[in-house]
Amino acid sequence: MNRWYGQFMVLFGSIMTMFYLGIGLYFILSSDLTQIDKFIRYMVGGTFVFYGLFRLYKLIEKVKEEFFSDKYDE
């Protein structure tokens, strides 16, 4: 895998992480979803937020690997 591809995947991962966190917070905080039971909204929103935080953790590891390591210096 080359450096350009790895950096692109970091960018894509950061966009997806923001998407998951945003959708999760929308489910939890939005007043537009009153037709959905509050428990279901919180469960779905919490799952998205939890997965977004997990992706954020993995993204931080990937950023350290792609931008701050010397794996491509050969």
Protein backbone atom coordinates (compact mmCIF):
# COMPACT_ATOMS: atom_id res chain seq x y z
CA MET A 1 0.00 0.00 0.00
CA ASN A 2 1.44 3.36 -0.92
CA ARG A 3 1.44 6.56 1.10
CA TRP A 4 -1.13 8.38 -1.05
CA TYR A 5 -3.71 5.62 -0.67
CA GLY A 6 -3.18 5.47 3.09
CA GLN A 7 -3.65 9.21 3.45
CA PHE A 8 -6.80 9.07 1.32
CA MET A 9 -8.17 6.35 3.59
CA VAL A 10 -7.46 8.55 6.63
CA LEU A 11 -9.47 11.35 4.99
CA PHE A 12 -12.34 9.00 4.14
CA GLY A 13 -12.26 7.53 7.64
CA SER A 14 -12.49 10.97 9.21
CA ILE A 15 -15.51 11.85 7.05
CA MET A 16 -17.24 8.61 8.01
CA THR A 17 -16.42 9.14 11.69
CA MET A 18 -18.06 12.57 11.62
CA PHE A 19 -21.03 11.04 9.78
CA TYR A 20 -21.57 8.35 12.45
CA LEU A 21 -21.23 10.83 15.30
CA GLY A 22 -23.55 13.29 13.57
CA ILE A 23 -26.25 10.73 12.84
CA GLY A 24 -26.05 9.43 16.41
CA LEU A 25 -26.39 12.90 17.91
CA TYR A 26 -29.24 13.66 15.51
CA PHE A 27 -31.14 10.59 16.71
CA ILE A 28 -30.55 11.50 20.35
CA LEU A 29 -31.10 15.27 20.25
CA SER A 30 -33.55 15.89 17.39
CA SER A 31 -37.13 16.88 18.05
CA ASP A 32 -38.06 15.93 14.45
CA LEU A 33 -38.18 12.21 15.25
CA THR A 34 -41.09 12.25 17.71
CA GLN A 35 -42.88 9.47 15.81
CA ILE A 36 -40.12 7.05 16.87
CA ASP A 37 -40.20 5.76 20.44
CA LYS A 38 -37.71 7.58 22.68
CA PHE A 39 -36.07 4.33 23.83
CA ILE A 40 -35.47 3.23 20.23
CA ARG A 41 -34.11 6.67 19.28
CA TYR A 42 -31.68 6.61 22.20
CA MET A 43 -30.60 3.04 21.49
CA VAL A 44 -29.98 3.67 17.78
CA GLY A 45 -28.36 7.05 18.45
CA GLY A 46 -26.19 5.62 21.21
CA THR A 47 -25.06 2.81 18.95
CA PHE A 48 -24.06 5.30 16.24
CA VAL A 49 -22.23 7.49 18.78
CA PHE A 50 -20.44 4.49 20.30
CA TYR A 51 -19.38 3.25 16.86
CA GLY A 52 -18.30 6.78 15.89
CA LEU A 53 -16.11 6.99 19.00
CA PHE A 54 -14.63 3.58 18.19
CA ARG A 55 -13.88 4.75 14.64
CA LEU A 56 -12.34 7.94 16.07
CA TYR A 57 -10.00 5.85 18.21
CA LYS A 58 -8.99 3.70 15.22
CA LEU A 59 -8.60 6.84 13.09
CA ILE A 60 -6.18 8.38 15.58
CA GLU A 61 -4.08 5.21 15.42
CA LYS A 62 -4.15 5.32 11.61
CA VAL A 63 -3.15 9.01 11.53
CA LYS A 64 -0.16 8.25 13.75
CA GLU A 65 0.81 5.39 11.45
CA GLU A 66 0.35 7.26 8.16
CA PHE A 67 1.67 10.72 9.05
CA PHE A 68 4.07 10.27 11.96
CA SER A 69 5.86 7.00 11.30
CA ASP A 70 8.76 6.19 9.04
CA LYS A 71 7.25 3.10 7.41
CA TYR A 72 7.53 4.70 3.93
CA ASP A 73 11.14 5.85 4.36
CA GLU A 74 12.84 3.02 2.53
